[in-house]
Every structure is written in structure tokens, then in C-alpha cells.
Amino acid sequence: MSTKLTLTLDKEVIEGAKKYAKKKNISLSGIVELYFKTLPSDTKDFKIGPITKELSGIASFSTKKSDKELLKEALNKRFL
């Protein structure tokens, strides 16, 4: 069942998203839905596997990028 959602975004972001959607032959709603599906549904049920738990914290990153920049890069990799 589809439900309507109203979003308020920067005009340039919307224009870029429309161009991208047209190029990829997908609707803006489809892009937003795909993004929301990638979000964890409930972090309380999220379980970390033993290998991941063991390895967590051993990597170091020298990046000075903001969360916004990192998210943008990740989404570009996934959808471009």
C-alpha cells in the first residue's frame, strides 16, 4: 500500500535528483523508497556477529570528511 509523503528539500537537490531519476529511469519516490529500505528497521534487534565484534575498532581512518560527505559518497556508490 502506498502512502503519500511530503518532503522539503533544497531546490538544487531536487533538480539534481530529478535529472538523476530521469537518467536512471526511476521515479523520485522510488529513489527515496530505496534509500529508506537501506536503513535499519530497528537498532534494538541489530546483532553484531562474533567476527565483526572481534574486528571492530582495529581500523583507523585519516579522513576529515563530515558525515554528510561520507553519506553522499556512499549513496553515489550505491545508486550511480
N, C-alpha and C. Protein backbone atom coordinates (compact mmCIF):
# COMPACT_ATOMS: atom_id res chain seq x y z
N MET A 1 0.84 -1.17 0.00
CA MET A 1 0.00 0.00 0.00
C MET A 1 0.89 1.24 0.00
N SER A 2 0.64 2.14 -0.89
CA SER A 2 1.42 3.37 -0.98
C SER A 2 0.77 4.46 -0.14
N THR A 3 1.60 5.28 0.49
CA THR A 3 1.15 6.40 1.29
C THR A 3 1.93 7.63 0.86
N LYS A 4 1.28 8.76 0.82
CA LYS A 4 1.92 9.99 0.38
C LYS A 4 2.82 10.55 1.47
N LEU A 5 3.97 11.10 1.07
CA LEU A 5 4.93 11.72 1.97
C LEU A 5 5.37 13.03 1.35
N THR A 6 5.35 14.10 2.12
CA THR A 6 5.80 15.40 1.63
C THR A 6 7.15 15.71 2.23
N LEU A 7 8.12 16.06 1.38
CA LEU A 7 9.46 16.40 1.82
C LEU A 7 9.79 17.83 1.42
N THR A 8 10.56 18.50 2.23
CA THR A 8 11.04 19.84 1.92
C THR A 8 12.55 19.75 1.77
N LEU A 9 13.04 20.04 0.56
CA LEU A 9 14.46 19.93 0.26
C LEU A 9 14.93 21.17 -0.48
N ASP A 10 16.24 21.35 -0.50
CA ASP A 10 16.85 22.43 -1.25
C ASP A 10 16.50 22.28 -2.73
N LYS A 11 16.21 23.40 -3.39
CA LYS A 11 15.79 23.38 -4.79
C LYS A 11 16.82 22.69 -5.68
N GLU A 12 18.10 22.97 -5.46
CA GLU A 12 19.16 22.37 -6.27
C GLU A 12 19.22 20.85 -6.08
N VAL A 13 18.97 20.41 -4.87
CA VAL A 13 18.96 18.97 -4.58
C VAL A 13 17.84 18.30 -5.36
N ILE A 14 16.68 18.92 -5.37
CA ILE A 14 15.52 18.37 -6.08
C ILE A 14 15.80 18.31 -7.58
N GLU A 15 16.35 19.40 -8.12
CA GLU A 15 16.64 19.43 -9.56
C GLU A 15 17.65 18.34 -9.94
N GLY A 16 18.68 18.20 -9.12
CA GLY A 16 19.67 17.15 -9.39
C GLY A 16 19.06 15.77 -9.28
N ALA A 17 18.20 15.57 -8.30
CA ALA A 17 17.56 14.27 -8.12
C ALA A 17 16.64 13.95 -9.30
N LYS A 18 15.95 14.96 -9.81
CA LYS A 18 15.06 14.74 -10.97
C LYS A 18 15.88 14.32 -12.19
N LYS A 19 17.01 14.99 -12.41
CA LYS A 19 17.87 14.63 -13.54
C LYS A 19 18.39 13.20 -13.39
N TYR A 20 18.82 12.87 -12.18
CA TYR A 20 19.33 11.54 -11.91
C TYR A 20 18.23 10.49 -12.14
N ALA A 21 17.05 10.77 -11.61
CA ALA A 21 15.94 9.82 -11.74
C ALA A 21 15.59 9.59 -13.21
N LYS A 22 15.56 10.67 -13.97
CA LYS A 22 15.24 10.54 -15.40
C LYS A 22 16.30 9.71 -16.11
N LYS A 23 17.57 9.97 -15.79
CA LYS A 23 18.68 9.24 -16.40
C LYS A 23 18.62 7.75 -16.08
N LYS A 24 18.21 7.43 -14.84
CA LYS A 24 18.15 6.04 -14.40
C LYS A 24 16.78 5.40 -14.62
N ASN A 25 15.86 6.18 -15.18
CA ASN A 25 14.50 5.69 -15.46
C ASN A 25 13.81 5.16 -14.20
N ILE A 26 13.87 5.97 -13.13
CA ILE A 26 13.22 5.63 -11.87
C ILE A 26 12.58 6.91 -11.33
N SER A 27 11.52 6.77 -10.58
CA SER A 27 10.85 7.95 -10.01
C SER A 27 11.59 8.43 -8.77
N LEU A 28 11.37 9.69 -8.42
CA LEU A 28 11.94 10.21 -7.18
C LEU A 28 11.42 9.43 -5.99
N SER A 29 10.16 9.07 -6.03
CA SER A 29 9.59 8.26 -4.95
C SER A 29 10.32 6.93 -4.84
N GLY A 30 10.66 6.36 -5.99
CA GLY A 30 11.38 5.10 -6.00
C GLY A 30 12.76 5.22 -5.37
N ILE A 31 13.44 6.34 -5.66
CA ILE A 31 14.76 6.58 -5.08
C ILE A 31 14.65 6.70 -3.56
N VAL A 32 13.69 7.50 -3.10
CA VAL A 32 13.51 7.70 -1.66
C VAL A 32 13.14 6.38 -0.99
N GLU A 33 12.27 5.61 -1.62
CA GLU A 33 11.89 4.32 -1.05
C GLU A 33 13.10 3.38 -0.94
N LEU A 34 13.93 3.34 -1.99
CA LEU A 34 15.13 2.51 -1.94
C LEU A 34 16.04 2.94 -0.80
N TYR A 35 16.20 4.25 -0.63
CA TYR A 35 17.04 4.75 0.46
C TYR A 35 16.48 4.32 1.81
N PHE A 36 15.18 4.52 2.02
CA PHE A 36 14.58 4.15 3.31
C PHE A 36 14.70 2.65 3.57
N LYS A 37 14.65 1.84 2.52
CA LYS A 37 14.79 0.39 2.70
C LYS A 37 16.19 0.02 3.15
N THR A 38 17.18 0.87 2.87
CA THR A 38 18.54 0.56 3.30
C THR A 38 18.78 0.89 4.77
N LEU A 39 17.87 1.64 5.38
CA LEU A 39 18.02 1.99 6.79
C LEU A 39 17.65 0.80 7.66
N PRO A 40 18.36 0.62 8.78
CA PRO A 40 17.98 -0.48 9.68
C PRO A 40 16.59 -0.22 10.25
N SER A 41 15.78 -1.27 10.32
CA SER A 41 14.41 -1.10 10.78
C SER A 41 14.33 -0.87 12.28
N ASP A 42 15.17 -1.54 13.04
CA ASP A 42 15.15 -1.36 14.49
C ASP A 42 16.53 -1.70 15.03
N THR A 43 17.20 -0.72 15.56
CA THR A 43 18.57 -0.94 16.03
C THR A 43 18.63 -1.85 17.25
N LYS A 44 17.52 -1.99 17.96
CA LYS A 44 17.50 -2.86 19.14
C LYS A 44 17.65 -4.32 18.74
N ASP A 45 17.15 -4.69 17.56
CA ASP A 45 17.23 -6.07 17.09
C ASP A 45 18.54 -6.34 16.34
N PHE A 46 19.35 -5.31 16.15
CA PHE A 46 20.58 -5.45 15.39
C PHE A 46 21.61 -6.21 16.21
N LYS A 47 22.08 -7.32 15.68
CA LYS A 47 23.08 -8.12 16.38
C LYS A 47 24.38 -8.11 15.59
N ILE A 48 25.47 -7.90 16.28
CA ILE A 48 26.78 -7.89 15.66
C ILE A 48 27.36 -9.30 15.76
N GLY A 49 27.82 -9.80 14.62
CA GLY A 49 28.40 -11.13 14.58
C GLY A 49 29.74 -11.18 15.32
N PRO A 50 30.18 -12.38 15.71
CA PRO A 50 31.40 -12.50 16.51
C PRO A 50 32.65 -11.99 15.79
N ILE A 51 32.75 -12.22 14.48
CA ILE A 51 33.93 -11.76 13.75
C ILE A 51 33.93 -10.24 13.68
N THR A 52 32.78 -9.66 13.39
CA THR A 52 32.68 -8.21 13.33
C THR A 52 33.02 -7.60 14.68
N LYS A 53 32.49 -8.20 15.74
CA LYS A 53 32.76 -7.69 17.09
C LYS A 53 34.26 -7.74 17.40
N GLU A 54 34.89 -8.84 17.00
CA GLU A 54 36.32 -9.01 17.25
C GLU A 54 37.15 -7.99 16.47
N LEU A 55 36.73 -7.70 15.24
CA LEU A 55 37.50 -6.79 14.38
C LEU A 55 37.15 -5.32 14.59
N SER A 56 36.05 -5.04 15.26
CA SER A 56 35.64 -3.65 15.39
C SER A 56 36.66 -2.85 16.20
N GLY A 57 36.97 -1.68 15.66
CA GLY A 57 37.90 -0.78 16.32
C GLY A 57 39.34 -0.91 15.88
N ILE A 58 39.66 -1.92 15.03
CA ILE A 58 41.06 -2.07 14.63
C ILE A 58 41.42 -1.19 13.44
N ALA A 59 40.43 -0.72 12.70
CA ALA A 59 40.70 0.14 11.55
C ALA A 59 40.74 1.59 11.99
N SER A 60 41.65 2.32 11.40
CA SER A 60 41.69 3.75 11.69
C SER A 60 41.53 4.51 10.38
N PHE A 61 40.86 5.61 10.45
CA PHE A 61 40.59 6.41 9.27
C PHE A 61 41.23 7.78 9.44
N SER A 62 41.91 8.20 8.40
CA SER A 62 42.56 9.51 8.46
C SER A 62 41.72 10.57 7.76
N THR A 63 40.48 10.25 7.47
CA THR A 63 39.62 11.19 6.74
C THR A 63 39.10 12.29 7.65
N LYS A 64 38.98 13.44 7.11
CA LYS A 64 38.42 14.59 7.84
C LYS A 64 37.06 14.96 7.25
N LYS A 65 36.43 14.01 6.56
CA LYS A 65 35.16 14.28 5.91
C LYS A 65 34.03 14.29 6.93
N SER A 66 33.04 15.11 6.65
CA SER A 66 31.87 15.18 7.52
C SER A 66 30.97 13.97 7.26
N ASP A 67 30.04 13.73 8.17
CA ASP A 67 29.08 12.64 7.99
C ASP A 67 28.28 12.84 6.71
N LYS A 68 27.95 14.09 6.43
CA LYS A 68 27.17 14.40 5.23
C LYS A 68 27.96 14.01 3.97
N GLU A 69 29.25 14.32 3.93
CA GLU A 69 30.08 13.97 2.78
C GLU A 69 30.22 12.45 2.64
N LEU A 70 30.40 11.77 3.76
CA LEU A 70 30.52 10.32 3.72
C LEU A 70 29.22 9.66 3.25
N LEU A 71 28.07 10.17 3.71
CA LEU A 71 26.78 9.64 3.29
C LEU A 71 26.58 9.87 1.79
N LYS A 72 26.93 11.06 1.33
CA LYS A 72 26.78 11.38 -0.09
C LYS A 72 27.62 10.42 -0.94
N GLU A 73 28.86 10.17 -0.54
CA GLU A 73 29.72 9.25 -1.27
C GLU A 73 29.14 7.83 -1.28
N ALA A 74 28.64 7.39 -0.15
CA ALA A 74 28.08 6.04 -0.06
C ALA A 74 26.86 5.90 -0.95
N LEU A 75 25.99 6.91 -0.95
CA LEU A 75 24.79 6.84 -1.80
C LEU A 75 25.17 6.91 -3.27
N ASN A 76 26.16 7.71 -3.61
CA ASN A 76 26.61 7.78 -5.02
C ASN A 76 27.16 6.42 -5.47
N LYS A 77 27.90 5.76 -4.63
CA LYS A 77 28.44 4.44 -4.97
C LYS A 77 27.30 3.44 -5.19
N ARG A 78 26.28 3.55 -4.34
CA ARG A 78 25.18 2.58 -4.42
C ARG A 78 24.28 2.82 -5.63
N PHE A 79 23.99 4.09 -5.93
CA PHE A 79 22.98 4.38 -6.94
C PHE A 79 23.52 4.89 -8.27
N LEU A 80 24.80 5.14 -8.38
CA LEU A 80 25.33 5.63 -9.66
C LEU A 80 25.92 4.56 -10.49
